[in-house]
Amino acid sequence: MTNPTTKDALLADIRTERAALEEFLVALTPQQMVLSGAIAEWSVKDVLAHLAEWEQLLLVWYQAGLRGEVPPLPAPGYKWAQMDDLNQVIYEKYRDRSLEDVLAYFRESYLQVLEAVQAMTEDELFTSGRYSWTKKNALAAYVVPCTSEHYDWARQEMRKRLWKE
């Protein structure tokens, strides 16, 4: 996957990778989705909650930028070097939720992030430093890892573990 340089290419990547992930998920039974081991100890359900939570973090960062604020990155109380700790907190937050609840959250979060990206301008997405919280980066440099790259990573990792040959 290459880094998109236009809004249309970014949206195409997001939709393509999400569709590939959804296609992968269709082949799973509800029982398979709640068994641990899809990625480390996480179940597929846990992975989906993880993806949705990172989409929501992206939306929080973006909304803060629109207000001229600098959000704590990646989340309050965490630095980028502590992503494993943050991911563990996300896992613990959702691990006891039902598959149905997590699937609903996963799907709603995607619609929210897709709607937000569709509403963003080319300038917002691709102008370096447009928002103070992105420093010298463009907003797209945060959108891609929280959407298309994340979907691809999850699908590839789960495929390796769930379809061992």
Protein backbone atom coordinates (compact mmCIF):
# COMPACT_ATOMS: atom_id res chain seq x y z
CA MET A 1 0.00 0.00 0.00
CA THR A 2 1.37 3.40 -0.94
CA ASN A 3 0.69 6.64 0.88
CA PRO A 4 -2.20 8.40 -0.84
CA THR A 5 -1.61 11.93 -2.06
CA THR A 6 -5.21 12.91 -2.77
CA LYS A 7 -8.44 12.75 -0.82
CA ASP A 8 -9.96 10.44 -3.44
CA ALA A 9 -7.02 8.04 -3.18
CA LEU A 10 -7.16 8.15 0.62
CA LEU A 11 -10.88 7.38 0.65
CA ALA A 12 -10.39 4.60 -1.91
CA ASP A 13 -7.71 3.01 0.27
CA ILE A 14 -9.89 3.27 3.37
CA ARG A 15 -12.87 1.69 1.60
CA THR A 16 -10.78 -1.03 -0.08
CA GLU A 17 -9.02 -2.12 3.08
CA ARG A 18 -12.21 -2.00 5.11
CA ALA A 19 -14.03 -4.09 2.50
CA ALA A 20 -11.21 -6.65 2.57
CA LEU A 21 -11.44 -6.79 6.36
CA GLU A 22 -15.23 -7.17 6.25
CA GLU A 23 -14.89 -9.94 3.67
CA PHE A 24 -12.46 -11.72 5.99
CA LEU A 25 -14.87 -11.36 8.91
CA VAL A 26 -17.84 -12.79 6.98
CA ALA A 27 -16.07 -16.17 6.89
CA LEU A 28 -15.91 -16.34 10.70
CA THR A 29 -18.51 -17.77 13.01
CA PRO A 30 -19.47 -15.91 16.17
CA GLN A 31 -17.64 -18.61 18.13
CA GLN A 32 -14.44 -17.99 16.16
CA MET A 33 -14.75 -14.27 16.76
CA VAL A 34 -14.59 -14.60 20.54
CA LEU A 35 -11.78 -17.15 20.86
CA SER A 36 -8.47 -15.75 22.03
CA GLY A 37 -5.46 -16.05 19.79
CA ALA A 38 -6.44 -13.99 16.74
CA ILE A 39 -3.58 -11.59 17.56
CA ALA A 40 -1.61 -12.57 20.67
CA GLU A 41 -4.25 -13.18 23.37
CA TRP A 42 -6.82 -10.99 21.63
CA SER A 43 -9.89 -12.46 20.00
CA VAL A 44 -11.24 -11.12 16.71
CA LYS A 45 -13.78 -9.22 18.82
CA ASP A 46 -10.92 -7.61 20.77
CA VAL A 47 -9.15 -6.63 17.54
CA LEU A 48 -12.33 -5.00 16.22
CA ALA A 49 -12.73 -3.00 19.44
CA HIS A 50 -9.08 -1.95 19.12
CA LEU A 51 -9.60 -0.73 15.55
CA ALA A 52 -12.72 1.22 16.49
CA GLU A 53 -11.05 2.81 19.49
CA TRP A 54 -8.15 4.06 17.34
CA GLU A 55 -10.64 5.46 14.83
CA GLN A 56 -12.26 7.30 17.72
CA LEU A 57 -8.89 8.63 18.88
CA LEU A 58 -8.36 10.01 15.38
CA LEU A 59 -11.72 11.78 15.57
CA VAL A 60 -10.82 13.25 18.98
CA TRP A 61 -7.52 14.56 17.61
CA TYR A 62 -9.23 16.04 14.57
CA GLN A 63 -11.98 17.73 16.59
CA ALA A 64 -9.38 19.19 18.94
CA GLY A 65 -7.50 20.55 15.94
CA LEU A 66 -10.65 22.20 14.61
CA ARG A 67 -10.99 23.97 17.96
CA GLY A 68 -7.35 25.08 17.79
CA GLU A 69 -6.37 22.75 20.62
CA VAL A 70 -3.52 20.27 20.91
CA PRO A 71 -4.89 16.95 22.17
CA PRO A 72 -2.79 14.65 24.33
CA LEU A 73 -1.25 12.18 21.88
CA PRO A 74 -2.00 9.41 21.52
CA ALA A 75 -4.39 9.60 24.50
CA PRO A 76 -4.59 11.32 27.88
CA GLY A 77 -1.85 9.97 30.13
CA TYR A 78 0.03 8.19 27.32
CA LYS A 79 2.98 8.98 25.10
CA TRP A 80 3.63 7.30 21.74
CA ALA A 81 6.30 5.14 23.40
CA GLN A 82 3.55 3.73 25.66
CA MET A 83 1.30 2.40 22.91
CA ASP A 84 1.52 -1.15 24.24
CA ASP A 85 0.17 0.08 27.58
CA LEU A 86 -2.58 2.07 25.87
CA ASN A 87 -3.53 -0.90 23.72
CA GLN A 88 -3.73 -3.05 26.85
CA VAL A 89 -6.10 -0.51 28.45
CA ILE A 90 -8.24 -0.57 25.29
CA TYR A 91 -8.28 -4.38 25.42
CA GLU A 92 -9.37 -4.35 29.06
CA LYS A 93 -12.05 -1.74 28.36
CA TYR A 94 -13.80 -3.92 25.78
CA ARG A 95 -12.88 -7.53 26.61
CA ASP A 96 -16.03 -8.20 28.62
CA ARG A 97 -18.41 -6.56 26.14
CA SER A 98 -20.56 -8.79 23.99
CA LEU A 99 -19.66 -9.57 20.42
CA GLU A 100 -22.86 -7.82 19.30
CA ASP A 101 -21.93 -4.62 21.18
CA VAL A 102 -18.40 -4.60 19.79
CA LEU A 103 -19.60 -5.27 16.24
CA ALA A 104 -22.07 -2.39 16.51
CA TYR A 105 -19.33 -0.10 17.85
CA PHE A 106 -16.92 -1.26 15.12
CA ARG A 107 -19.42 -0.51 12.36
CA GLU A 108 -20.65 2.81 13.81
CA SER A 109 -17.10 4.03 14.37
CA TYR A 110 -16.22 3.29 10.76
CA LEU A 111 -19.19 5.27 9.51
CA GLN A 112 -18.19 8.18 11.74
CA VAL A 113 -14.57 8.22 10.59
CA LEU A 114 -15.55 7.79 6.94
CA GLU A 115 -18.00 10.68 7.20
CA ALA A 116 -15.34 12.85 8.86
CA VAL A 117 -12.72 12.09 6.21
CA GLN A 118 -15.25 12.72 3.43
CA ALA A 119 -15.93 16.16 4.94
CA MET A 120 -12.22 17.05 5.16
CA THR A 121 -10.70 19.16 2.44
CA GLU A 122 -7.58 18.30 0.45
CA ASP A 123 -5.89 21.18 2.26
CA GLU A 124 -6.82 19.80 5.69
CA LEU A 125 -5.60 16.35 4.78
CA PHE A 126 -2.39 17.09 2.93
CA THR A 127 -0.99 20.42 4.15
CA SER A 128 1.89 19.75 6.53
CA GLY A 129 1.40 21.41 9.90
CA ARG A 130 -2.17 22.51 9.13
CA TYR A 131 -3.06 21.64 12.71
CA SER A 132 -0.62 22.42 15.49
CA TRP A 133 -0.98 18.93 16.97
CA THR A 134 0.31 17.32 13.75
CA LYS A 135 3.51 19.39 13.99
CA LYS A 136 5.24 19.08 10.58
CA ASN A 137 3.04 16.21 9.42
CA ALA A 138 -0.10 16.32 7.36
CA LEU A 139 -3.37 15.10 8.88
CA ALA A 140 -3.38 12.24 6.36
CA ALA A 141 -0.27 10.89 8.11
CA TYR A 142 -2.56 10.17 11.08
CA VAL A 143 -5.64 9.13 9.10
CA VAL A 144 -3.86 6.36 7.19
CA PRO A 145 -2.48 4.45 10.22
CA CYS A 146 -5.82 4.73 12.06
CA THR A 147 -7.82 3.45 9.08
CA SER A 148 -6.57 1.67 5.95
CA GLU A 149 -3.18 0.57 7.31
CA HIS A 150 -4.77 -0.57 10.55
CA TYR A 151 -7.45 -2.58 8.73
CA ASP A 152 -4.81 -4.23 6.55
CA TRP A 153 -2.59 -5.01 9.56
CA ALA A 154 -5.49 -6.59 11.46
CA ARG A 155 -6.64 -8.70 8.52
CA GLN A 156 -3.14 -9.93 7.72
CA GLU A 157 -2.28 -10.75 11.33
CA MET A 158 -5.57 -12.52 11.99
CA ARG A 159 -5.32 -14.47 8.74
CA LYS A 160 -1.86 -15.75 9.75
CA ARG A 161 -3.11 -17.00 13.09
CA LEU A 162 -6.61 -18.18 12.25
CA TRP A 163 -5.72 -20.02 9.06
CA LYS A 164 -2.50 -21.73 10.05
CA GLU A 165 -1.65 -24.43 7.60
